[in-house]
Amino acid sequence: MTFKATLEEANKILRHANKETSAAKLLMLHFCGLEPTDLYLQYANEMPPSNRKAFLEAIRLHVEQNIPVQHIMGYVYFYGYKFIVNDQVLIPRFETEELVANVLMLYDDYFRDEVVDLVDIGTGSGCLAITLQKEEPEHIKAVATDISESALKTAKENALALDATVEFLCGDMLEPLESRKFDILVSNPPYIPQEEVVESIIYDHEPHVALFGGEDGLRFYREILSKANTVLKERSIIAFEHGYDKAVELQNLAKKYFPYSLIYTLKDMQGKDRMTFVITGFEDGKERIR
């Protein structure tokens, strides 16, 4: 069978199972070692039987056992970088790429060409700390923390594979940072409310420690914000990703601990409130952000 016929067969299976058909293309590219443009050129050609067998088995695992495509492949692309993922870390989402882009813009606005210390709290796969360090290798000195040793093992593997210089520390939230001070704090902590129903493909295959954020989903934001002053320099930036319906509560929480700072929320590409920032210690902060 041709590549095109096999892909159409897989799409039919996925639609019947109410799965996203985008999974078929990702898995076909993976098992055939092709780039997207190569696949189109191969459409009319016969798909090698061994590749077809592996591809259809992957489709079966995704449909029947609900295994995430990223776990089947063992990696995901994030901000153009290839990250190892497994059941010990949260799979990086597209929304988080927007957080990276905004942190890089804020770096340019407030610290352009300065060497800064950055910390990523609850790093998981390491995608935030590693990507930010890779994007500004001469200017960002990155540290990342996580309570899970298994997650840190994966993050370290990613840093090694991507040739990123990141210091990883095991411990709960800010605890491993001792008396250190940072210019930028980024975090995408667990933010799903404890009783909220989660899709089974997420609930069954991603670590719950990286998903659930207490009764209202704000537990870890409270913990970070209540102690952030102990690890931040006078001029600093805090950047959070959060649940789309938590912006007002999170802003109010930030105002409690940083009453004289610039605090604002940005929407993601889906038009949902997804990122909140705290800019502190910059006299011209409000002018710069306009």
Protein backbone atom coordinates (compact mmCIF):
# COMPACT_ATOMS: atom_id res chain seq x y z
CA MET A 1 0.00 0.00 0.00
CA THR A 2 1.11 3.56 -0.68
CA PHE A 3 1.96 6.13 1.97
CA LYS A 4 -1.22 8.02 1.09
CA ALA A 5 -3.49 4.96 1.34
CA THR A 6 -1.92 3.96 4.66
CA LEU A 7 -2.36 7.46 6.05
CA GLU A 8 -6.00 7.52 4.95
CA GLU A 9 -6.54 4.13 6.60
CA ALA A 10 -5.06 5.42 9.87
CA ASN A 11 -7.13 8.62 9.72
CA LYS A 12 -10.28 6.54 9.36
CA ILE A 13 -9.34 4.47 12.43
CA LEU A 14 -8.62 7.62 14.44
CA ARG A 15 -11.84 9.37 13.45
CA HIS A 16 -13.85 6.28 14.38
CA ALA A 17 -12.19 6.38 17.83
CA ASN A 18 -12.76 10.16 18.19
CA LYS A 19 -9.02 10.80 18.11
CA GLU A 20 -7.21 13.69 16.44
CA THR A 21 -6.11 12.70 12.93
CA SER A 22 -2.95 14.78 13.36
CA ALA A 23 -1.60 11.78 15.31
CA ALA A 24 -1.36 9.75 12.11
CA LYS A 25 0.91 12.19 10.34
CA LEU A 26 3.18 12.58 13.37
CA LEU A 27 3.55 8.83 13.77
CA MET A 28 4.12 8.24 10.07
CA LEU A 29 6.87 10.85 9.97
CA HIS A 30 8.44 9.28 13.05
CA PHE A 31 8.40 5.63 11.93
CA CYS A 32 9.51 6.44 8.39
CA GLY A 33 12.18 8.97 9.37
CA LEU A 34 10.69 11.61 7.08
CA GLU A 35 10.33 15.36 7.15
CA PRO A 36 6.86 16.80 6.41
CA THR A 37 7.89 17.90 2.91
CA ASP A 38 9.37 14.44 2.21
CA LEU A 39 6.08 12.77 3.09
CA TYR A 40 4.17 14.65 0.42
CA LEU A 41 6.76 13.58 -2.16
CA GLN A 42 6.36 9.96 -1.05
CA TYR A 43 2.55 9.88 -1.11
CA ALA A 44 2.23 7.81 -4.29
CA ASN A 45 5.05 5.41 -3.41
CA GLU A 46 4.65 2.09 -1.66
CA MET A 47 5.24 2.27 2.09
CA PRO A 48 7.91 -0.23 3.21
CA PRO A 49 6.11 -3.16 4.93
CA SER A 50 8.24 -2.93 8.10
CA ASN A 51 7.46 0.78 8.47
CA ARG A 52 3.78 0.19 7.78
CA LYS A 53 3.62 -2.55 10.43
CA ALA A 54 5.30 -0.37 13.08
CA PHE A 55 3.12 2.61 12.15
CA LEU A 56 -0.18 0.70 12.38
CA GLU A 57 0.89 -0.87 15.69
CA ALA A 58 1.51 2.65 17.03
CA ILE A 59 -1.95 3.72 15.85
CA ARG A 60 -3.40 0.69 17.64
CA LEU A 61 -1.60 1.59 20.89
CA HIS A 62 -2.85 5.16 20.65
CA VAL A 63 -6.44 4.09 19.99
CA GLU A 64 -6.82 0.97 22.14
CA GLN A 65 -4.53 1.80 25.06
CA ASN A 66 -4.90 5.57 24.88
CA ILE A 67 -1.12 6.06 24.95
CA PRO A 68 -0.12 9.62 24.00
CA VAL A 69 1.56 9.94 20.63
CA GLN A 70 4.49 11.70 22.27
CA HIS A 71 5.08 8.73 24.57
CA ILE A 72 4.98 6.32 21.65
CA MET A 73 7.61 8.39 19.82
CA GLY A 74 9.52 9.20 23.02
CA TYR A 75 9.93 12.87 22.20
CA VAL A 76 8.18 16.10 21.31
CA TYR A 77 9.36 19.25 19.58
CA PHE A 78 9.17 22.38 21.73
CA TYR A 79 10.22 25.77 20.39
CA GLY A 80 12.13 23.92 17.67
CA TYR A 81 14.06 21.73 20.11
CA LYS A 82 13.61 17.98 20.44
CA PHE A 83 12.73 17.01 24.04
CA ILE A 84 12.64 13.49 25.46
CA VAL A 85 9.31 12.81 27.19
CA ASN A 86 7.98 9.89 29.18
CA ASP A 87 5.45 9.12 31.91
CA GLN A 88 7.63 10.90 34.50
CA VAL A 89 7.21 14.39 33.03
CA LEU A 90 4.41 16.57 31.71
CA ILE A 91 4.28 16.66 27.92
CA PRO A 92 5.18 20.25 26.90
CA ARG A 93 2.22 22.06 25.32
CA PHE A 94 2.14 24.64 22.54
CA GLU A 95 0.82 27.25 24.99
CA THR A 96 4.04 27.02 26.96
CA GLU A 97 6.01 28.03 23.88
CA GLU A 98 4.19 31.35 24.10
CA LEU A 99 5.44 31.77 27.67
CA VAL A 100 9.00 31.28 26.42
CA ALA A 101 8.52 33.86 23.66
CA ASN A 102 7.16 36.42 26.11
CA VAL A 103 9.95 35.85 28.64
CA LEU A 104 12.51 36.40 25.87
CA MET A 105 10.80 39.66 24.90
CA LEU A 106 10.78 40.79 28.52
CA TYR A 107 14.47 39.96 28.78
CA ASP A 108 15.10 42.24 25.80
CA ASP A 109 12.94 44.98 27.32
CA TYR A 110 14.48 44.99 30.77
CA PHE A 111 17.86 43.26 30.65
CA ARG A 112 19.05 43.52 27.06
CA ASP A 113 22.65 42.24 26.77
CA GLU A 114 22.94 41.82 30.56
CA VAL A 115 23.87 38.47 32.08
CA VAL A 116 20.93 37.37 34.22
CA ASP A 117 20.18 34.56 36.65
CA LEU A 118 16.99 32.66 35.83
CA VAL A 119 15.21 29.96 37.80
CA ASP A 120 12.53 27.58 36.55
CA ILE A 121 10.39 26.20 39.38
CA GLY A 122 8.93 22.73 38.78
CA THR A 123 10.89 22.15 35.59
CA GLY A 124 9.58 18.70 34.59
CA SER A 125 11.15 17.89 31.21
CA GLY A 126 13.29 21.02 31.53
CA CYS A 127 11.64 22.63 28.51
CA LEU A 128 11.44 26.15 29.97
CA ALA A 129 14.91 26.44 31.50
CA ILE A 130 16.65 24.64 28.64
CA THR A 131 14.91 26.56 25.86
CA LEU A 132 15.48 29.95 27.48
CA GLN A 133 19.15 29.14 28.07
CA LYS A 134 19.54 27.93 24.47
CA GLU A 135 17.91 31.07 23.10
CA GLU A 136 20.19 33.37 25.15
CA PRO A 137 23.27 31.22 25.80
CA GLU A 138 25.57 34.16 26.52
CA HIS A 139 23.15 36.00 28.78
CA ILE A 140 20.95 33.56 30.71
CA LYS A 141 22.39 31.48 33.54
CA ALA A 142 19.68 28.93 34.25
CA VAL A 143 18.78 26.93 37.34
CA ALA A 144 15.83 24.54 37.50
CA THR A 145 14.13 22.78 40.41
CA ASP A 146 11.75 19.83 40.69
CA ILE A 147 10.56 17.65 43.53
CA SER A 148 10.75 14.53 41.33
CA GLU A 149 14.14 12.89 40.90
CA SER A 150 12.73 10.94 37.95
CA ALA A 151 11.67 14.15 36.23
CA LEU A 152 15.09 15.68 36.85
CA LYS A 153 16.73 12.63 35.31
CA THR A 154 14.76 13.27 32.11
CA ALA A 155 15.49 17.01 32.25
CA LYS A 156 19.21 16.32 32.59
CA GLU A 157 19.08 13.98 29.60
CA ASN A 158 17.41 16.74 27.59
CA ALA A 159 19.99 19.31 28.63
CA LEU A 160 22.80 16.94 27.65
CA ALA A 161 21.21 16.09 24.29
CA LEU A 162 20.62 19.76 23.51
CA ASP A 163 23.99 20.94 24.84
CA ALA A 164 22.30 23.32 27.28
CA THR A 165 23.96 24.60 30.44
CA VAL A 166 21.39 24.31 33.23
CA GLU A 167 21.91 23.55 36.91
CA PHE A 168 19.26 21.14 38.22
CA LEU A 169 18.29 20.98 41.90
CA CYS A 170 15.98 18.45 43.53
CA GLY A 171 13.51 19.76 46.08
CA ASP A 172 10.07 21.22 46.68
CA MET A 173 9.44 24.50 44.84
CA LEU A 174 11.89 27.16 46.14
CA GLU A 175 13.41 25.06 48.94
CA PRO A 176 16.62 24.05 47.09
CA LEU A 177 17.56 27.65 46.29
CA GLU A 178 18.89 28.55 49.76
CA SER A 179 20.18 32.14 49.76
CA ARG A 180 20.54 32.51 45.99
CA LYS A 181 19.04 35.45 44.09
CA PHE A 182 17.56 35.58 40.59
CA ASP A 183 16.56 38.18 38.04
CA ILE A 184 13.86 36.07 36.39
CA LEU A 185 11.60 33.40 37.86
CA VAL A 186 9.52 31.29 35.48
CA SER A 187 7.10 28.54 36.36
CA ASN A 188 4.39 26.39 34.85
CA PRO A 189 3.39 24.63 38.06
CA PRO A 190 0.59 22.06 38.44
CA TYR A 191 -2.65 24.05 38.14
CA ILE A 192 -5.55 21.67 37.60
CA PRO A 193 -7.98 21.78 40.58
CA GLN A 194 -7.89 18.51 42.50
CA GLU A 195 -11.49 17.49 41.78
CA GLU A 196 -11.56 18.56 38.13
CA VAL A 197 -12.23 15.81 35.61
CA VAL A 198 -9.22 15.27 33.34
CA GLU A 199 -9.12 13.47 29.99
CA SER A 200 -8.07 9.87 30.50
CA ILE A 201 -5.18 10.17 28.03
CA ILE A 202 -3.70 12.77 30.40
CA TYR A 203 -4.83 11.32 33.73
CA ASP A 204 -3.60 7.81 32.95
CA HIS A 205 -0.24 8.67 31.42
CA GLU A 206 1.11 11.92 32.87
CA PRO A 207 2.41 12.31 36.45
CA HIS A 208 -0.29 13.58 38.80
CA VAL A 209 2.33 15.52 40.76
CA ALA A 210 2.73 17.67 37.64
CA LEU A 211 -1.00 18.08 37.02
CA PHE A 212 -2.94 18.90 40.17
CA GLY A 213 -2.60 22.15 42.07
CA GLY A 214 -4.70 21.69 45.16
CA GLU A 215 -8.37 22.39 45.76
CA ASP A 216 -8.54 25.51 43.58
CA GLY A 217 -5.50 24.96 41.36
CA LEU A 218 -3.57 27.83 42.96
CA ARG A 219 -1.69 26.01 45.70
CA PHE A 220 1.74 26.26 44.10
CA TYR A 221 1.29 29.86 42.97
CA ARG A 222 0.61 30.80 46.59
CA GLU A 223 3.71 28.96 47.70
CA ILE A 224 5.92 30.55 45.06
CA LEU A 225 4.60 34.10 45.45
CA SER A 226 4.70 34.01 49.27
CA LYS A 227 8.41 33.14 49.19
CA ALA A 228 9.54 34.73 45.93
CA ASN A 229 11.02 37.80 47.62
CA THR A 230 13.58 35.56 49.30
CA VAL A 231 15.03 34.45 45.96
CA LEU A 232 14.51 37.51 43.74
CA LYS A 233 16.70 40.53 43.21
CA GLU A 234 15.23 44.02 43.60
CA ARG A 235 14.72 44.33 39.84
CA SER A 236 13.05 41.14 38.70
CA ILE A 237 10.46 39.42 36.54
CA ILE A 238 8.08 36.61 37.45
CA ALA A 239 6.41 34.74 34.58
CA PHE A 240 3.66 32.17 35.12
CA GLU A 241 1.58 29.92 32.92
CA HIS A 242 -1.78 29.13 34.53
CA GLY A 243 -5.33 27.92 34.02
CA TYR A 244 -7.32 30.10 31.62
CA ASP A 245 -9.92 30.95 34.32
CA LYS A 246 -7.47 31.87 37.10
CA ALA A 247 -6.10 35.20 35.86
CA VAL A 248 -8.03 37.48 38.24
CA GLU A 249 -7.35 35.31 41.29
CA LEU A 250 -3.68 35.04 40.41
CA GLN A 251 -3.35 38.78 39.83
CA ASN A 252 -4.92 39.46 43.23
CA LEU A 253 -2.57 36.96 44.82
CA ALA A 254 0.43 38.63 43.15
CA LYS A 255 -0.72 42.08 44.34
CA LYS A 256 -0.79 40.76 47.91
CA TYR A 257 2.93 39.97 47.83
CA PHE A 258 4.08 42.51 45.23
CA PRO A 259 1.79 45.52 45.80
CA TYR A 260 4.01 48.05 44.05
CA SER A 261 4.76 46.03 40.94
CA LEU A 262 3.39 45.94 37.43
CA ILE A 263 1.12 42.89 37.15
CA TYR A 264 -0.64 41.90 33.95
CA THR A 265 -2.03 38.91 32.04
CA LEU A 266 -1.68 37.98 28.38
CA LYS A 267 -3.90 35.73 26.29
CA ASP A 268 -2.60 32.73 24.38
CA MET A 269 -3.20 32.15 20.68
CA GLN A 270 -6.57 30.61 21.52
CA GLY A 271 -7.66 33.88 23.11
CA LYS A 272 -7.54 32.48 26.65
CA ASP A 273 -5.92 34.17 29.66
CA ARG A 274 -2.88 31.96 30.03
CA MET A 275 0.19 33.94 31.21
CA THR A 276 0.59 36.38 34.10
CA PHE A 277 3.67 38.51 34.69
CA VAL A 278 5.00 40.46 37.66
CA ILE A 279 7.54 43.19 36.90
CA THR A 280 9.15 44.63 40.00
CA GLY A 281 11.79 47.24 40.78
CA PHE A 282 11.88 48.95 37.37
CA GLU A 283 10.97 52.63 37.68
CA ASP A 284 10.03 52.84 34.00
CA GLY A 285 8.30 49.46 33.93
CA LYS A 286 4.86 50.71 32.97
CA GLU A 287 6.26 52.81 30.15
CA ARG A 288 8.30 49.95 28.74
CA ILE A 289 5.47 47.47 28.68
CA ARG A 290 3.09 49.69 26.72
